[in-house]
């Protein structure tokens, strides 16, 4: 379940960062701090929009461990749908996205600043 969640989410994360950076920056290889912050924040949102349904299923599977009946991906998805409907896959999205933008903006801005620092050394 973790692999099924993280691979597509990471693709959305890095892909959105690069695409946003390319559309904002004159030189995508050296974005400004503001460009890196905006692109990073958008990347975090894309990551969680892709990730959250699978994360919800994974949590349902983990919550079922030790309760008796072991369920897999399809069982977890069915349990989420049965309990909460289609909207259940995105329960809690608002606080997740409120945290995702600044956290990922800072992450990518720090990455770009680190790259600039390393470029000065070599």
N, C-alpha and C. Protein backbone atom coordinates (compact mmCIF):
# COMPACT_ATOMS: atom_id res chain seq x y z
N UNK A 1 0.83 -1.20 0.00
CA UNK A 1 0.00 0.00 0.00
C UNK A 1 0.87 1.26 0.00
N UNK A 2 1.99 1.18 0.72
CA UNK A 2 2.87 2.35 0.79
C UNK A 2 3.48 2.65 -0.57
N UNK A 3 3.91 1.62 -1.27
CA UNK A 3 4.50 1.79 -2.60
C UNK A 3 3.46 2.34 -3.58
N UNK A 4 2.25 1.81 -3.51
CA UNK A 4 1.18 2.28 -4.39
C UNK A 4 0.80 3.73 -4.09
N UNK A 5 1.08 4.19 -2.88
CA UNK A 5 0.81 5.58 -2.52
C UNK A 5 1.98 6.48 -2.92
N UNK A 6 3.19 6.06 -2.59
CA UNK A 6 4.35 6.96 -2.71
C UNK A 6 4.88 7.15 -4.13
N UNK A 7 4.79 6.13 -4.98
CA UNK A 7 5.32 6.29 -6.35
C UNK A 7 4.53 7.34 -7.13
N UNK A 8 3.21 7.21 -7.23
CA UNK A 8 2.47 8.25 -7.97
C UNK A 8 2.56 9.63 -7.30
N UNK A 9 2.57 9.66 -5.96
CA UNK A 9 2.65 10.93 -5.26
C UNK A 9 3.99 11.61 -5.51
N UNK A 10 5.07 10.83 -5.52
CA UNK A 10 6.39 11.41 -5.80
C UNK A 10 6.50 11.90 -7.23
N UNK A 11 5.87 11.19 -8.14
CA UNK A 11 5.85 11.64 -9.53
C UNK A 11 5.13 12.99 -9.62
N UNK A 12 4.01 13.11 -8.93
CA UNK A 12 3.26 14.37 -8.94
C UNK A 12 4.07 15.47 -8.26
N UNK A 13 4.78 15.12 -7.19
CA UNK A 13 5.56 16.10 -6.42
C UNK A 13 6.67 16.70 -7.26
N UNK A 14 7.54 15.82 -7.78
CA UNK A 14 8.67 16.32 -8.57
C UNK A 14 8.22 16.90 -9.91
N UNK A 15 7.25 16.25 -10.54
CA UNK A 15 6.76 16.74 -11.83
C UNK A 15 6.14 18.12 -11.72
N UNK A 16 5.32 18.32 -10.71
CA UNK A 16 4.70 19.63 -10.52
C UNK A 16 5.74 20.67 -10.17
N UNK A 17 6.71 20.30 -9.36
CA UNK A 17 7.77 21.27 -9.02
C UNK A 17 8.49 21.71 -10.28
N UNK A 18 8.91 20.77 -11.10
CA UNK A 18 9.67 21.11 -12.31
C UNK A 18 8.82 21.90 -13.30
N UNK A 19 7.58 21.48 -13.52
CA UNK A 19 6.71 22.19 -14.47
C UNK A 19 6.39 23.61 -14.00
N UNK A 20 6.12 23.75 -12.71
CA UNK A 20 5.81 25.08 -12.18
C UNK A 20 7.05 25.96 -12.24
N UNK A 21 8.19 25.39 -11.89
CA UNK A 21 9.44 26.14 -11.94
C UNK A 21 9.74 26.60 -13.37
N UNK A 22 9.51 25.72 -14.34
CA UNK A 22 9.74 26.09 -15.74
C UNK A 22 8.81 27.19 -16.20
N UNK A 23 7.58 27.18 -15.73
CA UNK A 23 6.63 28.21 -16.17
C UNK A 23 6.86 29.55 -15.46
N UNK A 24 7.46 29.54 -14.27
CA UNK A 24 7.67 30.77 -13.51
C UNK A 24 9.03 31.43 -13.77
N UNK A 25 10.02 30.61 -14.03
CA UNK A 25 11.39 31.11 -14.04
C UNK A 25 11.94 31.32 -15.43
N UNK A 26 12.72 32.40 -15.58
CA UNK A 26 13.43 32.62 -16.84
C UNK A 26 14.54 31.58 -17.01
N UNK A 27 15.15 31.20 -15.89
CA UNK A 27 16.19 30.17 -15.88
C UNK A 27 15.81 29.09 -14.87
N UNK A 28 15.09 28.05 -15.32
CA UNK A 28 14.62 27.01 -14.39
C UNK A 28 15.74 26.30 -13.63
N UNK A 29 16.96 26.35 -14.13
CA UNK A 29 18.07 25.72 -13.42
C UNK A 29 18.51 26.55 -12.22
N UNK A 30 18.16 27.83 -12.23
CA UNK A 30 18.51 28.74 -11.13
C UNK A 30 17.31 29.61 -10.76
N UNK A 31 16.26 29.01 -10.20
CA UNK A 31 15.08 29.80 -9.85
C UNK A 31 15.37 30.72 -8.67
N UNK A 32 14.66 31.82 -8.62
CA UNK A 32 14.77 32.70 -7.46
C UNK A 32 14.14 32.00 -6.26
N UNK A 33 14.38 32.55 -5.09
CA UNK A 33 13.80 31.96 -3.88
C UNK A 33 12.27 32.00 -3.96
N UNK A 34 11.72 33.11 -4.44
CA UNK A 34 10.26 33.22 -4.57
C UNK A 34 9.72 32.17 -5.53
N UNK A 35 10.39 31.97 -6.65
CA UNK A 35 9.95 30.96 -7.63
C UNK A 35 10.02 29.57 -7.03
N UNK A 36 11.09 29.29 -6.30
CA UNK A 36 11.23 27.98 -5.65
C UNK A 36 10.16 27.78 -4.58
N UNK A 37 9.84 28.83 -3.84
CA UNK A 37 8.79 28.74 -2.82
C UNK A 37 7.44 28.43 -3.46
N UNK A 38 7.09 29.16 -4.51
CA UNK A 38 5.80 28.94 -5.19
C UNK A 38 5.73 27.56 -5.82
N UNK A 39 6.78 27.17 -6.52
CA UNK A 39 6.80 25.86 -7.18
C UNK A 39 6.77 24.74 -6.14
N UNK A 40 7.50 24.91 -5.04
CA UNK A 40 7.51 23.90 -3.99
C UNK A 40 6.15 23.75 -3.32
N UNK A 41 5.49 24.88 -3.06
CA UNK A 41 4.16 24.82 -2.47
C UNK A 41 3.16 24.12 -3.38
N UNK A 42 3.21 24.43 -4.67
CA UNK A 42 2.32 23.76 -5.64
C UNK A 42 2.63 22.27 -5.71
N UNK A 43 3.90 21.92 -5.62
CA UNK A 43 4.30 20.52 -5.65
C UNK A 43 3.74 19.77 -4.44
N UNK A 44 3.77 20.40 -3.28
CA UNK A 44 3.23 19.75 -2.09
C UNK A 44 1.74 19.50 -2.20
N UNK A 45 1.03 20.46 -2.76
CA UNK A 45 -0.41 20.28 -2.96
C UNK A 45 -0.69 19.15 -3.94
N UNK A 46 0.05 19.11 -5.05
CA UNK A 46 -0.14 18.04 -6.03
C UNK A 46 0.16 16.68 -5.42
N UNK A 47 1.22 16.62 -4.63
CA UNK A 47 1.59 15.36 -3.96
C UNK A 47 0.42 14.83 -3.13
N UNK A 48 -0.15 15.68 -2.30
CA UNK A 48 -1.21 15.22 -1.41
C UNK A 48 -2.53 14.97 -2.13
N UNK A 49 -2.81 15.70 -3.20
CA UNK A 49 -4.02 15.40 -3.97
C UNK A 49 -3.96 14.00 -4.57
N UNK A 50 -2.76 13.60 -4.99
CA UNK A 50 -2.58 12.25 -5.55
C UNK A 50 -2.49 11.21 -4.43
N UNK A 51 -1.83 11.56 -3.35
CA UNK A 51 -1.49 10.63 -2.28
C UNK A 51 -2.63 10.31 -1.33
N UNK A 52 -3.47 11.27 -1.03
CA UNK A 52 -4.42 11.11 0.07
C UNK A 52 -5.39 9.93 -0.07
N UNK A 53 -5.97 9.67 -1.23
CA UNK A 53 -6.85 8.50 -1.30
C UNK A 53 -6.14 7.20 -0.92
N UNK A 54 -4.93 7.01 -1.42
CA UNK A 54 -4.19 5.79 -1.11
C UNK A 54 -3.73 5.78 0.35
N UNK A 55 -3.42 6.95 0.88
CA UNK A 55 -3.04 7.05 2.29
C UNK A 55 -4.21 6.67 3.19
N UNK A 56 -5.40 7.08 2.80
CA UNK A 56 -6.61 6.74 3.55
C UNK A 56 -6.84 5.23 3.52
N UNK A 57 -6.66 4.62 2.37
CA UNK A 57 -6.80 3.16 2.25
C UNK A 57 -5.75 2.47 3.12
N UNK A 58 -4.51 2.93 3.05
CA UNK A 58 -3.43 2.34 3.84
C UNK A 58 -3.74 2.43 5.33
N UNK A 59 -4.26 3.56 5.76
CA UNK A 59 -4.62 3.73 7.17
C UNK A 59 -5.73 2.78 7.56
N UNK A 60 -6.69 2.58 6.68
CA UNK A 60 -7.80 1.65 6.95
C UNK A 60 -7.26 0.22 7.09
N UNK A 61 -6.32 -0.15 6.22
CA UNK A 61 -5.71 -1.48 6.30
C UNK A 61 -4.97 -1.64 7.63
N UNK A 62 -4.17 -0.64 8.00
CA UNK A 62 -3.40 -0.69 9.23
C UNK A 62 -4.30 -0.71 10.46
N UNK A 63 -5.41 0.01 10.41
CA UNK A 63 -6.33 0.04 11.54
C UNK A 63 -7.03 -1.30 11.72
N UNK A 64 -7.11 -2.07 10.67
CA UNK A 64 -7.77 -3.37 10.72
C UNK A 64 -6.86 -4.47 11.24
N UNK A 65 -5.54 -4.24 11.24
CA UNK A 65 -4.59 -5.25 11.72
C UNK A 65 -4.83 -5.49 13.20
N UNK A 66 -4.91 -6.74 13.58
CA UNK A 66 -5.13 -7.07 14.98
C UNK A 66 -6.60 -7.09 15.38
N UNK A 67 -7.47 -6.65 14.49
CA UNK A 67 -8.90 -6.66 14.78
C UNK A 67 -9.51 -8.00 14.40
N UNK A 68 -8.80 -8.75 13.63
CA UNK A 68 -9.28 -10.07 13.27
C UNK A 68 -9.11 -10.37 11.80
N UNK A 69 -9.85 -9.68 10.95
CA UNK A 69 -9.85 -9.97 9.53
C UNK A 69 -8.83 -9.10 8.80
N UNK A 70 -7.91 -9.75 8.08
CA UNK A 70 -6.91 -9.01 7.31
C UNK A 70 -7.52 -8.58 5.98
N UNK A 71 -7.33 -7.30 5.64
CA UNK A 71 -7.85 -6.80 4.37
C UNK A 71 -6.70 -6.26 3.53
N UNK A 72 -6.85 -6.32 2.23
CA UNK A 72 -5.84 -5.80 1.31
C UNK A 72 -6.26 -4.45 0.75
N UNK A 73 -5.63 -4.08 -0.38
CA UNK A 73 -5.95 -2.79 -1.01
C UNK A 73 -7.42 -2.66 -1.37
N UNK A 74 -7.93 -3.66 -2.05
CA UNK A 74 -9.34 -3.58 -2.48
C UNK A 74 -10.27 -3.59 -1.27
N UNK A 75 -9.94 -4.39 -0.27
CA UNK A 75 -10.75 -4.43 0.95
C UNK A 75 -10.71 -3.10 1.69
N UNK A 76 -9.53 -2.49 1.72
CA UNK A 76 -9.38 -1.17 2.36
C UNK A 76 -10.17 -0.11 1.62
N UNK A 77 -10.10 -0.14 0.29
CA UNK A 77 -10.85 0.83 -0.51
C UNK A 77 -12.36 0.63 -0.31
N UNK A 78 -12.78 -0.62 -0.29
CA UNK A 78 -14.20 -0.91 -0.09
C UNK A 78 -14.66 -0.45 1.30
N UNK A 79 -13.81 -0.63 2.30
CA UNK A 79 -14.16 -0.23 3.67
C UNK A 79 -14.29 1.29 3.77
N UNK A 80 -13.38 2.02 3.13
CA UNK A 80 -13.46 3.49 3.14
C UNK A 80 -14.75 3.93 2.44
N UNK A 81 -15.01 3.36 1.27
CA UNK A 81 -16.19 3.73 0.50
C UNK A 81 -17.48 3.40 1.26
N UNK A 82 -17.51 2.22 1.86
CA UNK A 82 -18.70 1.80 2.59
C UNK A 82 -18.96 2.70 3.80
N UNK A 83 -17.90 3.09 4.48
CA UNK A 83 -18.06 3.91 5.68
C UNK A 83 -18.34 5.38 5.39
N UNK A 84 -17.69 5.92 4.34
CA UNK A 84 -17.73 7.38 4.14
C UNK A 84 -18.14 7.83 2.74
N UNK A 85 -18.31 6.90 1.81
CA UNK A 85 -18.62 7.27 0.44
C UNK A 85 -17.37 7.74 -0.29
N UNK A 86 -17.55 8.27 -1.48
CA UNK A 86 -16.42 8.70 -2.30
C UNK A 86 -15.64 9.83 -1.63
N UNK A 87 -16.35 10.68 -0.89
CA UNK A 87 -15.69 11.80 -0.20
C UNK A 87 -14.76 11.32 0.91
N UNK A 88 -14.95 10.11 1.36
CA UNK A 88 -14.11 9.56 2.42
C UNK A 88 -12.65 9.44 2.04
N UNK A 89 -12.37 9.31 0.76
CA UNK A 89 -10.99 9.19 0.30
C UNK A 89 -10.23 10.51 0.47
N UNK A 90 -10.96 11.61 0.62
CA UNK A 90 -10.34 12.93 0.80
C UNK A 90 -10.70 13.56 2.14
N UNK A 91 -11.07 12.74 3.11
CA UNK A 91 -11.36 13.27 4.45
C UNK A 91 -10.10 13.92 5.01
N UNK A 92 -10.25 15.10 5.57
CA UNK A 92 -9.12 15.79 6.17
C UNK A 92 -8.23 16.52 5.19
N UNK A 93 -8.71 16.72 3.97
CA UNK A 93 -7.87 17.35 2.94
C UNK A 93 -7.49 18.79 3.27
N UNK A 94 -8.39 19.55 3.90
CA UNK A 94 -8.11 20.97 4.16
C UNK A 94 -6.87 21.16 5.04
N UNK A 95 -6.77 20.54 6.21
CA UNK A 95 -5.56 20.74 7.01
C UNK A 95 -4.30 20.18 6.35
N UNK A 96 -4.47 19.11 5.59
CA UNK A 96 -3.33 18.53 4.88
C UNK A 96 -2.77 19.53 3.87
N UNK A 97 -3.65 20.16 3.10
CA UNK A 97 -3.19 21.12 2.09
C UNK A 97 -2.68 22.41 2.72
N UNK A 98 -3.28 22.82 3.84
CA UNK A 98 -2.79 24.02 4.54
C UNK A 98 -1.36 23.82 5.04
N UNK A 99 -1.04 22.60 5.44
CA UNK A 99 0.31 22.28 5.89
C UNK A 99 1.24 22.02 4.71
N UNK A 100 0.70 21.43 3.66
CA UNK A 100 1.53 21.01 2.52
C UNK A 100 2.19 22.19 1.81
N UNK A 101 1.46 23.26 1.61
CA UNK A 101 2.04 24.37 0.85
C UNK A 101 3.28 24.95 1.53
N UNK A 102 3.18 25.42 2.78
CA UNK A 102 4.38 26.01 3.39
C UNK A 102 5.50 25.01 3.64
N UNK A 103 5.16 23.79 4.01
CA UNK A 103 6.20 22.78 4.30
C UNK A 103 7.00 22.45 3.05
N UNK A 104 6.32 22.26 1.94
CA UNK A 104 7.01 21.91 0.70
C UNK A 104 7.65 23.11 0.04
N UNK A 105 7.07 24.28 0.24
CA UNK A 105 7.70 25.51 -0.25
C UNK A 105 9.06 25.67 0.41
N UNK A 106 9.11 25.50 1.73
CA UNK A 106 10.36 25.61 2.47
C UNK A 106 11.35 24.53 2.05
N UNK A 107 10.86 23.33 1.83
CA UNK A 107 11.71 22.21 1.42
C UNK A 107 12.43 22.50 0.11
N UNK A 108 11.69 22.90 -0.90
CA UNK A 108 12.30 23.14 -2.20
C UNK A 108 13.12 24.43 -2.23
N UNK A 109 12.70 25.44 -1.48
CA UNK A 109 13.51 26.66 -1.42
C UNK A 109 14.86 26.35 -0.76
N UNK A 110 14.85 25.55 0.29
CA UNK A 110 16.10 25.14 0.95
C UNK A 110 16.97 24.32 0.02
N UNK A 111 16.35 23.47 -0.78
CA UNK A 111 17.09 22.66 -1.76
C UNK A 111 17.79 23.57 -2.76
N UNK A 112 17.06 24.56 -3.27
CA UNK A 112 17.65 25.47 -4.25
C UNK A 112 18.74 26.34 -3.63
N UNK A 113 18.54 26.78 -2.41
CA UNK A 113 19.57 27.57 -1.73
C UNK A 113 20.81 26.72 -1.47
N UNK A 114 20.60 25.47 -1.11
CA UNK A 114 21.72 24.55 -0.93
C UNK A 114 22.49 24.32 -2.22
N UNK A 115 21.76 24.20 -3.31
CA UNK A 115 22.41 24.02 -4.62
C UNK A 115 23.24 25.26 -4.98
N UNK A 116 22.68 26.45 -4.71
CA UNK A 116 23.44 27.68 -4.98
C UNK A 116 24.72 27.75 -4.15
N UNK A 117 24.62 27.35 -2.90
CA UNK A 117 25.79 27.34 -2.02
C UNK A 117 26.84 26.35 -2.53
N UNK A 118 26.41 25.16 -2.92
CA UNK A 118 27.35 24.16 -3.43
C UNK A 118 27.98 24.60 -4.76
N UNK A 119 27.18 25.29 -5.58
CA UNK A 119 27.73 25.82 -6.85
C UNK A 119 28.85 26.82 -6.58
N UNK A 120 28.73 27.59 -5.50
CA UNK A 120 29.78 28.56 -5.16
C UNK A 120 31.06 27.86 -4.72
N UNK A 121 30.92 26.66 -4.13
CA UNK A 121 32.11 25.94 -3.63
C UNK A 121 32.86 25.25 -4.76
N UNK A 122 32.13 24.83 -5.80
CA UNK A 122 32.78 24.09 -6.89
C UNK A 122 32.80 24.90 -8.14
